[in-house]
Amino acid sequence: MAMAQHPVSTGDTFESRQEYLEARQQLEQQDQADWFDRSLTLSAKEKSLDTQLTSLRDSMINAYREQHFFPPARYFFQSKEHIESTQLFSLLQKMPKGGILHLHDAAAGDAAWVVNRVVSDPDAYVYWRSDKAGYTKGQIGYYHSQQAPDGFIQATVLKQQVTQFQDSLFQLITFDESIDADSVDIWKEFELVFQRIYGFIRYQPVFKDYVYHYFDQLVEDGVQHVELRSIISGLYDLKHPEGYYTTDSTVQFLQEVAFRIKEKEPAFSLKIIYTSLRFRTQEQVFQDLVQAYRMRSKYPNLIKGFDLVAEEDQGHTTLYFLDTWLKMDSLQQAYGIDMPLYLHDGESSWVSSQNLYDAVLLNCRRIGHGFNLFRFPQLMEQVRRNNICLEINPISNQVLGYVRDLRLHPARSYLARGIPCVISSDDPLIFNYRGLSYDFWEVFLAWELDLRKLKGLALNSLTYSALDEQEQKKALEYFNAKWSKFVDDAMVELGQ
C-alpha cells in the first residue's frame, strides 16, 4: 500500500475510503515513531513470546471490560489479591527487572517482618496511647526495662494483653483502602508511619537484619541492582544513644549486608543517594550537602548523589534552596569530587508546583517522579533532549492521591514521546507489597505494553543507573543472560 509522502494534516480532504485509511495508518505510524524502545530489536524467540504475552494481555483486558472491572483503575488495595491470583503476575515475578532506582530505605522492607520482629523482642516497646506531642500510637522504640518513656509498653506484654495487637500494629504501619483522601491528608498519615517505624529501623541490632531481608526480597523478585534514597544517620542501641554508631558505621553496615547478599546473588549491586528533607532550613540543607560531599569523597563508589525528599506541596520549593545549589561548584573543588543530583520533583498535581524547572536547570541525572511534567510542554521537550530519566512509581502515585486510574498516568505519554523512564516502588513497606512485580503488572495492562517495552523499561534501570561504565557492562551482561532464560521459561509456561 503506497503511503502519502507528507505529514497528515487535519485540513486534508480525501477522495476515497482507501486514501482516508492510508492517511489514518500514517498517523498511527507517526505516533509510534518516538517511543522510547524504538531502537530495541527482539529475537525470533522473543517475538514468539511477545505474541503470546500480548494475547494474554488482550484477553485479560477484554474480560475486565465485560466484567466492568479494570484493576489498574481501582485503588491498589482493592485489586492486590486479584493481581496475585493471575498468571500474568506469576510470569512477571520471574521476569528480570534490572534495577530499582527509587526506593526509600526507611520504607523498603516488609511490614509483617517488622511486626513479627517487634513482638518477639523483649527490648521492643510500642507507644500504645492516644497521640500526643512527640508520640503517635504505634511508635516503636527499644529501651531498658523501666526506662521507656511514659506510654511505651513492652511489645511482648501488648501481644498478650491486647486482642489482635499484631494486626493492629500492622495496620498502623501500612495503608489499606481506608486511606482514601486528598493527597495532602494522605501525606499526613504517610509521615506518621515514618514516625512509628523510625525507632525500629535505627536500632543497631535490628538494622542489618532489616536491610538484608528487603534486599533478599528484591533479589527474589528479579532485581539485581538497588539504589537507595537514604537519610544516612547514626544508629543507637540499649547502651548508646543515637549517633554513637556514626554515619560511617551505617554505611559500613550497608556494605556488609550487600556483601552477604552477593553470596546469594553474585550480580547484586548497591548505590546510595544521600538524602535530605525539603522542609529543613537553607542552612540545614547546606550542612547536609556538605556532609554528602564528605561521605561521597570517602565512599565514591557507594555514595552517588544527593536528593531532597518530603511532600513538595507543603515543603520548600527546590528554588528556595538556590543559594545552596550555587555553592556546589565550590564544594566540588573543596572535596575533589562531583555531586550528581537526583531530585524528587514533579510529585504534585498542581500547575503551580514548578520544581521541575529547577530539576532541569540543575542538570539532574534522573528526576524522582516527574509526575506533573505533562503540564509544561517545553520543559517536557527539554527533558527528552537532555536524556533525563524519570523514576516512575505507579502504585505510589495512585495511593498518595495523584492519579486514581493508572490508564491516565502521564508516564505513558512520556514513554511515547521518547522520554526515558524506569519503574520503581518508592515505599513498599507502607503500601504493603514487595518487589516490583505489582507495579509492572499494573502498567503492563494500564498502558497496554508489550514484551519489548517491558524489556526496555528493565534495561533503562541499568543504563540510567549510577553504575560506572564497567559495572554497567557487567550488569547488562548478567541481565541479558537472565532475560534469555526468562524467555525460555515463559514460553514453556504459556504452552509454547
Protein backbone atom coordinates (compact mmCIF):
# COMPACT_ATOMS: atom_id res chain seq x y z
CA MET A 1 0.00 0.00 0.00
CA ALA A 2 1.54 3.33 -1.02
CA MET A 3 1.61 5.81 1.79
CA ALA A 4 1.28 9.59 1.50
CA GLN A 5 4.68 11.27 1.42
CA HIS A 6 3.73 14.30 3.50
CA PRO A 7 2.62 14.52 7.14
CA VAL A 8 -1.10 14.15 7.53
CA SER A 9 -2.95 17.38 8.22
CA THR A 10 -6.39 17.72 9.74
CA GLY A 11 -7.15 20.04 6.80
CA ASP A 12 -6.64 17.25 4.23
CA THR A 13 -9.60 16.10 2.17
CA PHE A 14 -9.98 12.52 0.98
CA GLU A 15 -11.37 11.32 -2.31
CA SER A 16 -11.84 7.71 -1.28
CA ARG A 17 -12.09 5.35 1.65
CA GLN A 18 -8.71 3.87 0.67
CA GLU A 19 -7.00 7.27 0.79
CA TYR A 20 -8.53 8.02 4.18
CA LEU A 21 -7.36 4.68 5.62
CA GLU A 22 -3.86 5.24 4.25
CA ALA A 23 -3.73 8.63 5.96
CA ARG A 24 -5.01 7.09 9.16
CA GLN A 25 -2.32 4.41 9.05
CA GLN A 26 0.32 7.08 8.51
CA LEU A 27 -0.87 8.91 11.63
CA GLU A 28 -0.59 5.69 13.63
CA GLN A 29 2.95 5.15 12.39
CA GLN A 30 3.92 8.71 13.21
CA ASP A 31 2.52 8.22 16.70
CA GLN A 32 4.71 5.15 17.23
CA ALA A 33 7.90 6.67 15.83
CA ASP A 34 9.16 8.31 19.02
CA TRP A 35 8.51 5.56 21.58
CA PHE A 36 11.41 5.08 23.98
CA ASP A 37 12.00 1.48 22.85
CA ARG A 38 12.04 2.18 19.11
CA SER A 39 15.67 1.06 18.69
CA LEU A 40 15.25 -2.20 20.62
CA THR A 41 15.09 -5.31 18.45
CA LEU A 42 13.59 -8.61 19.61
CA SER A 43 14.91 -12.02 18.63
CA ALA A 44 12.66 -14.54 16.89
CA LYS A 45 12.12 -16.31 20.20
CA GLU A 46 11.26 -13.04 21.93
CA LYS A 47 8.81 -12.18 19.16
CA SER A 48 7.11 -15.52 19.67
CA LEU A 49 6.80 -14.87 23.41
CA ASP A 50 5.58 -11.35 22.69
CA THR A 51 2.74 -12.77 20.60
CA GLN A 52 1.69 -14.97 23.49
CA LEU A 53 2.08 -12.25 26.09
CA THR A 54 0.10 -9.65 24.17
CA SER A 55 -2.58 -12.27 23.54
CA LEU A 56 -2.76 -12.86 27.31
CA ARG A 57 -2.88 -9.11 27.88
CA ASP A 58 -5.70 -8.59 25.38
CA SER A 59 -7.75 -11.49 26.71
CA MET A 60 -7.43 -10.11 30.25
CA ILE A 61 -8.45 -6.62 29.14
CA ASN A 62 -11.44 -7.97 27.22
CA ALA A 63 -12.55 -9.99 30.25
CA TYR A 64 -12.21 -6.95 32.52
CA ARG A 65 -14.28 -4.90 30.10
CA GLU A 66 -17.07 -7.45 30.18
CA GLN A 67 -16.95 -7.51 33.98
CA HIS A 68 -16.81 -3.69 34.23
CA PHE A 69 -13.80 -4.19 36.44
CA PHE A 70 -10.34 -3.00 35.50
CA PRO A 71 -7.83 -3.39 38.36
CA PRO A 72 -5.42 -0.57 37.35
CA ALA A 73 -8.41 1.80 37.50
CA ARG A 74 -9.22 0.65 41.04
CA TYR A 75 -7.42 1.55 44.24
CA PHE A 76 -4.43 -0.80 44.58
CA PHE A 77 -5.69 -2.28 47.85
CA GLN A 78 -8.94 -3.29 46.17
CA SER A 79 -7.02 -5.19 43.47
CA LYS A 80 -3.97 -6.60 45.27
CA GLU A 81 -5.33 -10.08 45.98
CA HIS A 82 -6.71 -10.37 42.46
CA ILE A 83 -3.36 -9.35 40.97
CA GLU A 84 -1.63 -12.09 42.95
CA SER A 85 -4.04 -14.71 41.59
CA THR A 86 -3.29 -14.10 37.90
CA GLN A 87 -0.98 -15.97 35.55
CA LEU A 88 0.43 -12.63 34.42
CA PHE A 89 1.63 -11.87 37.94
CA SER A 90 3.31 -15.27 38.15
CA LEU A 91 5.13 -14.55 34.88
CA LEU A 92 6.21 -11.09 35.93
CA GLN A 93 7.58 -12.35 39.22
CA LYS A 94 10.02 -14.44 37.20
CA MET A 95 10.96 -11.56 34.87
CA PRO A 96 14.41 -9.98 35.41
CA LYS A 97 13.76 -6.35 36.26
CA GLY A 98 17.28 -4.95 36.30
CA GLY A 99 17.46 -2.28 38.98
CA ILE A 100 15.20 -0.40 41.33
CA LEU A 101 16.27 3.25 41.24
CA HIS A 102 13.74 4.91 43.52
CA LEU A 103 13.46 3.25 46.92
CA HIS A 104 13.48 4.81 50.39
CA ASP A 105 15.41 2.69 52.86
CA ALA A 106 13.11 3.58 55.77
CA ALA A 107 10.11 2.03 53.99
CA ALA A 108 11.73 -0.59 51.77
CA GLY A 109 11.09 -3.61 53.98
CA ASP A 110 8.24 -5.95 54.79
CA ALA A 111 5.71 -4.73 57.37
CA ALA A 112 4.82 -8.26 58.52
CA TRP A 113 8.51 -8.98 59.17
CA VAL A 114 8.78 -5.75 61.19
CA VAL A 115 5.78 -6.63 63.37
CA ASN A 116 6.99 -10.20 63.97
CA ARG A 117 10.44 -8.93 64.95
CA VAL A 118 8.97 -6.36 67.34
CA VAL A 119 6.67 -8.76 69.22
CA SER A 120 9.45 -11.32 69.64
CA ASP A 121 11.97 -8.91 71.20
CA PRO A 122 11.67 -8.19 74.97
CA ASP A 123 13.54 -4.90 74.49
CA ALA A 124 10.99 -3.58 71.97
CA TYR A 125 8.39 -1.11 73.25
CA VAL A 126 5.39 0.40 71.50
CA TYR A 127 3.61 3.63 72.35
CA TRP A 128 0.01 2.48 72.91
CA ARG A 129 -1.94 5.56 73.92
CA SER A 130 -3.63 8.38 72.07
CA ASP A 131 -1.32 10.64 70.10
CA LYS A 132 0.34 13.48 71.96
CA ALA A 133 3.20 15.85 71.29
CA GLY A 134 6.19 13.87 70.09
CA TYR A 135 4.48 10.49 70.11
CA THR A 136 1.91 8.67 67.99
CA LYS A 137 0.15 5.40 68.68
CA GLY A 138 2.18 2.50 67.29
CA GLN A 139 5.55 4.26 67.60
CA ILE A 140 8.30 1.69 68.16
CA GLY A 141 11.43 2.10 70.29
CA TYR A 142 13.96 -0.03 72.18
CA TYR A 143 14.59 0.62 75.88
CA HIS A 144 15.94 -0.91 79.06
CA SER A 145 13.26 -2.17 81.41
CA GLN A 146 11.75 0.69 83.47
CA GLN A 147 13.41 3.32 81.23
CA ALA A 148 10.83 3.56 78.47
CA PRO A 149 9.01 6.92 78.18
CA ASP A 150 5.51 7.16 79.58
CA GLY A 151 3.02 5.41 77.32
CA PHE A 152 5.51 2.92 75.85
CA ILE A 153 4.67 -0.68 76.77
CA GLN A 154 6.72 -3.80 76.15
CA ALA A 155 5.61 -5.36 72.86
CA THR A 156 5.66 -8.87 74.31
CA VAL A 157 3.20 -7.68 77.01
CA LEU A 158 0.95 -5.95 74.47
CA LYS A 159 0.90 -9.16 72.43
CA GLN A 160 -0.53 -10.99 75.45
CA GLN A 161 -2.88 -8.31 76.75
CA VAL A 162 -4.26 -6.58 73.65
CA THR A 163 -6.61 -8.52 71.39
CA GLN A 164 -5.15 -8.79 67.88
CA PHE A 165 -2.29 -6.47 68.82
CA GLN A 166 -0.10 -7.65 65.93
CA ASP A 167 -2.85 -6.94 63.40
CA SER A 168 -3.43 -3.51 64.92
CA LEU A 169 0.28 -2.62 64.79
CA PHE A 170 0.47 -3.88 61.21
CA GLN A 171 -2.43 -1.63 60.24
CA LEU A 172 -0.73 1.36 61.85
CA ILE A 173 2.42 0.98 59.72
CA THR A 174 0.70 0.18 56.41
CA PHE A 175 -2.01 1.69 54.25
CA ASP A 176 -5.18 -0.03 53.10
CA GLU A 177 -8.26 1.01 51.14
CA SER A 178 -9.47 3.16 54.04
CA ILE A 179 -6.70 5.63 53.12
CA ASP A 180 -8.72 7.50 50.53
CA ALA A 181 -8.46 11.27 50.77
CA ASP A 182 -6.78 14.30 49.26
CA SER A 183 -3.05 13.82 48.77
CA VAL A 184 -2.27 16.40 51.48
CA ASP A 185 -4.25 14.41 54.05
CA ILE A 186 -2.75 11.13 52.89
CA TRP A 187 0.74 12.62 53.30
CA LYS A 188 -0.05 13.39 56.95
CA GLU A 189 -0.74 9.69 57.55
CA PHE A 190 2.33 8.85 55.50
CA GLU A 191 4.58 10.91 57.78
CA LEU A 192 3.04 9.30 60.88
CA VAL A 193 4.06 5.86 59.61
CA PHE A 194 7.67 7.01 59.28
CA GLN A 195 7.50 8.31 62.84
CA ARG A 196 6.24 4.92 64.02
CA ILE A 197 8.98 2.84 62.38
CA TYR A 198 11.94 5.20 62.78
CA GLY A 199 12.96 3.85 66.19
CA PHE A 200 12.82 0.33 64.80
CA ILE A 201 14.99 0.79 61.72
CA ARG A 202 17.60 2.94 63.54
CA TYR A 203 18.13 0.31 66.27
CA GLN A 204 21.56 -1.13 65.55
CA PRO A 205 20.83 -4.80 66.45
CA VAL A 206 17.88 -4.71 64.01
CA PHE A 207 19.33 -2.58 61.22
CA LYS A 208 21.39 -5.13 59.30
CA ASP A 209 18.72 -7.84 59.53
CA TYR A 210 16.08 -5.41 58.30
CA VAL A 211 18.18 -4.35 55.30
CA TYR A 212 19.17 -7.93 54.46
CA HIS A 213 15.55 -9.01 54.49
CA TYR A 214 14.37 -6.42 51.96
CA PHE A 215 17.43 -6.87 49.74
CA ASP A 216 16.68 -10.59 49.72
CA GLN A 217 13.04 -9.96 48.77
CA LEU A 218 14.13 -7.74 45.89
CA VAL A 219 16.52 -10.38 44.60
CA GLU A 220 13.73 -12.96 44.77
CA ASP A 221 11.61 -10.63 42.62
CA GLY A 222 14.25 -10.36 39.89
CA VAL A 223 16.03 -7.16 40.98
CA GLN A 224 19.84 -7.21 40.70
CA HIS A 225 20.69 -3.56 41.39
CA VAL A 226 19.41 -1.27 44.16
CA GLU A 227 19.75 2.48 44.57
CA LEU A 228 18.58 3.64 47.98
CA ARG A 229 17.40 7.12 48.90
CA SER A 230 18.87 7.25 52.39
CA ILE A 231 18.89 9.86 55.13
CA ILE A 232 22.13 8.40 56.44
CA SER A 233 22.16 8.92 60.17
CA GLY A 234 23.69 7.23 63.17
CA LEU A 235 22.17 4.25 64.94
CA TYR A 236 21.52 3.52 68.62
CA ASP A 237 21.37 0.52 70.93
CA LEU A 238 20.50 -0.03 74.59
CA LYS A 239 23.93 1.08 75.76
CA HIS A 240 24.42 4.01 73.42
CA PRO A 241 22.24 6.93 72.24
CA GLU A 242 21.51 7.64 68.60
CA GLY A 243 24.66 8.86 66.91
CA TYR A 244 27.06 6.62 68.81
CA TYR A 245 27.11 4.47 65.70
CA THR A 246 28.16 7.17 63.24
CA THR A 247 27.02 7.74 59.68
CA ASP A 248 30.23 6.00 58.61
CA SER A 249 29.18 2.98 60.67
CA THR A 250 25.78 2.97 58.94
CA VAL A 251 27.43 3.00 55.52
CA GLN A 252 29.76 0.18 56.52
CA PHE A 253 26.81 -1.87 57.79
CA LEU A 254 25.10 -1.39 54.42
CA GLN A 255 28.24 -2.56 52.64
CA GLU A 256 28.37 -5.64 54.86
CA VAL A 257 24.78 -6.53 54.03
CA ALA A 258 25.36 -6.02 50.30
CA PHE A 259 28.33 -8.37 50.50
CA ARG A 260 26.17 -11.00 52.22
CA ILE A 261 23.52 -10.71 49.51
CA LYS A 262 26.20 -11.15 46.83
CA GLU A 263 26.84 -14.61 48.24
CA LYS A 264 23.30 -15.46 47.09
CA GLU A 265 23.14 -13.21 44.01
CA PRO A 266 26.68 -12.55 42.70
CA ALA A 267 25.50 -9.78 40.37
CA PHE A 268 23.87 -7.78 43.18
CA SER A 269 24.99 -4.15 43.42
CA LEU A 270 24.12 -1.25 45.71
CA LYS A 271 24.38 2.52 45.38
CA ILE A 272 23.16 5.22 47.77
CA ILE A 273 21.72 8.65 47.05
CA TYR A 274 22.33 10.82 50.11
CA THR A 275 19.04 12.41 51.12
CA SER A 276 17.92 15.50 53.00
CA LEU A 277 14.45 16.93 53.66
CA ARG A 278 12.87 19.82 51.80
CA PHE A 279 11.17 21.22 54.91
CA ARG A 280 14.56 21.86 56.54
CA THR A 281 16.12 25.34 56.55
CA GLN A 282 18.53 26.61 53.93
CA GLU A 283 21.44 26.30 56.36
CA GLN A 284 20.44 22.77 57.45
CA VAL A 285 20.22 21.56 53.86
CA PHE A 286 23.57 23.18 53.08
CA GLN A 287 25.15 21.32 56.00
CA ASP A 288 23.53 18.08 54.77
CA LEU A 289 25.01 18.74 51.33
CA VAL A 290 28.45 19.31 52.88
CA GLN A 291 28.08 16.02 54.73
CA ALA A 292 27.07 14.33 51.48
CA TYR A 293 30.26 15.61 49.81
CA ARG A 294 32.32 14.36 52.73
CA MET A 295 30.70 10.93 52.56
CA ARG A 296 30.98 10.73 48.77
CA SER A 297 34.67 11.66 48.87
CA LYS A 298 35.18 8.83 51.36
CA TYR A 299 32.90 6.27 49.65
CA PRO A 300 32.86 7.38 45.99
CA ASN A 301 31.77 4.01 44.64
CA LEU A 302 28.80 3.80 47.00
CA ILE A 303 27.50 7.34 47.61
CA LYS A 304 26.48 8.54 44.15
CA GLY A 305 24.42 11.70 44.53
CA PHE A 306 22.09 13.96 46.52
CA ASP A 307 18.33 14.43 46.82
CA LEU A 308 15.67 16.33 48.76
CA VAL A 309 12.55 14.43 49.83
CA ALA A 310 9.21 15.01 51.61
CA GLU A 311 5.93 16.39 50.31
CA GLU A 312 6.51 19.02 47.62
CA ASP A 313 3.19 20.80 48.04
CA GLN A 314 3.89 21.52 51.71
CA GLY A 315 7.70 21.72 51.87
CA HIS A 316 10.07 24.32 50.47
CA THR A 317 10.40 24.58 46.72
CA THR A 318 13.61 23.47 45.00
CA LEU A 319 14.17 27.11 44.05
CA TYR A 320 14.12 28.05 47.75
CA PHE A 321 17.50 26.30 48.08
CA LEU A 322 19.07 28.07 45.10
CA ASP A 323 21.85 29.62 47.19
CA THR A 324 22.79 26.11 48.33
CA TRP A 325 22.84 24.75 44.77
CA LEU A 326 25.04 27.64 43.64
CA LYS A 327 27.68 26.62 46.19
CA MET A 328 28.11 23.17 44.67
CA ASP A 329 31.00 24.18 42.40
CA SER A 330 32.94 25.41 45.42
CA LEU A 331 32.17 22.22 47.33
CA GLN A 332 33.30 20.13 44.37
CA GLN A 333 36.64 21.94 44.36
CA ALA A 334 36.99 21.59 48.14
CA TYR A 335 36.26 17.86 48.22
CA GLY A 336 37.63 16.91 44.82
CA ILE A 337 34.50 15.11 43.70
CA ASP A 338 31.24 15.91 41.91
CA MET A 339 27.76 15.51 43.37
CA PRO A 340 25.11 14.46 40.81
CA LEU A 341 21.56 15.47 41.71
CA TYR A 342 18.63 13.04 41.67
CA LEU A 343 15.93 15.39 42.92
CA HIS A 344 12.38 14.48 43.91
CA ASP A 345 10.49 16.95 41.75
CA GLY A 346 7.14 16.97 40.00
CA GLU A 347 5.41 14.78 42.62
CA SER A 348 2.39 17.04 42.55
CA SER A 349 -0.90 17.51 40.72
CA TRP A 350 -0.68 21.30 40.76
CA VAL A 351 0.31 23.57 37.86
CA SER A 352 1.78 25.96 40.44
CA SER A 353 4.29 23.32 41.54
CA GLN A 354 7.17 24.28 39.25
CA ASN A 355 10.09 22.43 40.81
CA LEU A 356 10.77 20.61 37.56
CA TYR A 357 12.20 23.78 36.01
CA ASP A 358 14.91 23.68 38.66
CA ALA A 359 15.50 19.94 38.27
CA VAL A 360 16.29 20.54 34.59
CA LEU A 361 18.36 23.70 35.11
CA LEU A 362 20.36 21.95 37.83
CA ASN A 363 21.20 19.12 35.42
CA CYS A 364 19.61 16.31 37.41
CA ARG A 365 20.81 12.89 36.27
CA ARG A 366 17.36 11.50 36.98
CA ILE A 367 14.18 13.03 38.37
CA GLY A 368 12.23 11.32 41.12
CA HIS A 369 8.62 11.05 39.94
CA GLY A 370 8.27 13.92 37.42
CA PHE A 371 4.54 13.26 37.61
CA ASN A 372 3.32 16.73 36.63
CA LEU A 373 5.83 17.22 33.79
CA PHE A 374 2.95 16.94 31.29
CA ARG A 375 1.79 20.38 32.40
CA PHE A 376 4.93 22.01 30.95
CA PRO A 377 5.28 21.17 27.22
CA GLN A 378 8.57 22.99 26.58
CA LEU A 379 10.09 21.57 29.72
CA MET A 380 8.99 18.09 28.69
CA GLU A 381 10.86 18.52 25.41
CA GLN A 382 13.93 19.73 27.32
CA VAL A 383 13.84 16.59 29.49
CA ARG A 384 13.70 14.47 26.33
CA ARG A 385 16.56 16.34 24.63
CA ASN A 386 18.73 16.18 27.75
CA ASN A 387 18.01 12.44 28.07
CA ILE A 388 16.93 12.85 31.70
CA CYS A 389 15.37 9.69 33.08
CA LEU A 390 12.15 9.85 35.11
CA GLU A 391 11.72 7.50 38.06
CA ILE A 392 8.07 6.45 37.79
CA ASN A 393 6.30 5.00 40.84
CA PRO A 394 2.83 4.00 39.59
CA ILE A 395 1.31 2.43 42.71
CA SER A 396 2.79 5.11 44.95
CA ASN A 397 1.31 7.84 42.74
CA GLN A 398 -2.09 6.17 42.95
CA VAL A 399 -2.03 5.52 46.70
CA LEU A 400 -0.83 9.05 47.51
CA GLY A 401 -3.69 10.54 45.53
CA TYR A 402 -2.05 11.90 42.36
CA VAL A 403 -3.92 9.66 39.90
CA ARG A 404 -6.71 7.16 40.52
CA ASP A 405 -6.93 5.43 37.14
CA LEU A 406 -3.45 4.29 36.04
CA ARG A 407 -4.57 4.32 32.41
CA LEU A 408 -4.40 8.10 32.79
CA HIS A 409 -0.93 8.18 34.34
CA PRO A 410 1.15 10.69 32.33
CA ALA A 411 4.19 8.38 32.18
CA ARG A 412 2.56 6.51 29.30
CA SER A 413 2.76 9.67 27.20
CA TYR A 414 6.33 10.28 28.37
CA LEU A 415 7.33 6.88 27.02
CA ALA A 416 5.53 7.60 23.75
CA ARG A 417 7.48 10.85 23.39
CA GLY A 418 10.80 9.05 23.85
CA ILE A 419 11.45 10.25 27.40
CA PRO A 420 13.37 7.54 29.27
CA CYS A 421 11.59 6.18 32.34
CA VAL A 422 12.12 3.45 34.91
CA ILE A 423 9.59 1.71 37.14
CA SER A 424 10.07 1.75 40.92
CA SER A 425 8.08 1.15 44.10
CA ASP A 426 9.02 4.12 46.34
CA ASP A 427 7.80 2.96 49.80
CA PRO A 428 6.54 -0.64 49.51
CA LEU A 429 6.54 -1.33 53.27
CA ILE A 430 3.84 1.28 53.79
CA PHE A 431 1.94 0.16 50.68
CA ASN A 432 2.09 -3.46 51.91
CA TYR A 433 3.76 -5.18 48.98
CA ARG A 434 7.16 -6.47 47.95
CA GLY A 435 9.33 -6.07 44.89
CA LEU A 436 8.42 -4.55 41.52
CA SER A 437 6.09 -7.17 40.05
CA TYR A 438 2.94 -5.37 41.19
CA ASP A 439 3.98 -2.11 39.53
CA PHE A 440 4.91 -3.89 36.29
CA TRP A 441 1.60 -5.78 36.34
CA GLU A 442 -0.36 -2.54 36.69
CA VAL A 443 1.40 -0.64 33.90
CA PHE A 444 1.56 -3.61 31.52
CA LEU A 445 -2.23 -3.65 31.43
CA ALA A 446 -2.97 0.04 32.02
CA TRP A 447 -0.59 1.26 29.31
CA GLU A 448 -1.12 -1.79 27.04
CA LEU A 449 2.59 -2.54 26.85
CA ASP A 450 4.29 -5.47 25.13
CA LEU A 451 7.40 -7.56 25.76
CA ARG A 452 9.70 -5.10 24.00
CA LYS A 453 8.54 -2.27 26.24
CA LEU A 454 8.88 -4.41 29.39
CA LYS A 455 12.43 -5.25 28.37
CA GLY A 456 13.13 -1.62 27.52
CA LEU A 457 11.99 -0.47 30.96
CA ALA A 458 14.16 -3.08 32.66
CA LEU A 459 17.18 -2.15 30.54
CA ASN A 460 16.62 1.53 31.34
CA SER A 461 17.02 0.73 35.02
CA LEU A 462 20.60 -0.32 34.34
CA THR A 463 21.59 2.13 31.59
CA TYR A 464 20.32 5.12 33.62
CA SER A 465 21.63 3.81 36.92
CA ALA A 466 24.54 5.26 38.91
CA LEU A 467 26.71 2.28 37.99
CA ASP A 468 30.00 3.23 36.37
CA GLU A 469 30.76 2.11 32.83
CA GLN A 470 32.46 -1.15 33.78
CA GLU A 471 29.84 -2.02 36.40
CA GLN A 472 27.08 -1.29 33.93
CA LYS A 473 28.66 -3.50 31.29
CA LYS A 474 28.78 -6.44 33.71
CA ALA A 475 25.25 -5.75 34.93
CA LEU A 476 23.89 -5.76 31.37
CA GLU A 477 25.69 -9.00 30.53
CA TYR A 478 24.17 -10.65 33.56
CA PHE A 479 20.72 -9.22 32.82
CA ASN A 480 20.79 -10.46 29.22
CA ALA A 481 21.65 -13.98 30.36
CA LYS A 482 18.82 -13.92 32.91
CA TRP A 483 16.44 -12.46 30.33
CA SER A 484 17.23 -15.21 27.84
CA LYS A 485 16.39 -17.86 30.45
CA PHE A 486 13.21 -16.00 31.36
CA VAL A 487 12.07 -16.04 27.72
CA ASP A 488 12.65 -19.80 27.50
CA ASP A 489 10.81 -20.47 30.78
CA ALA A 490 7.94 -18.12 29.97
CA MET A 491 7.33 -19.81 26.63
CA VAL A 492 7.06 -23.14 28.42
CA GLU A 493 4.69 -21.66 30.98
CA LEU A 494 2.49 -20.22 28.23
CA GLY A 495 2.44 -23.55 26.44
CA GLN A 496 4.89 -22.90 23.60
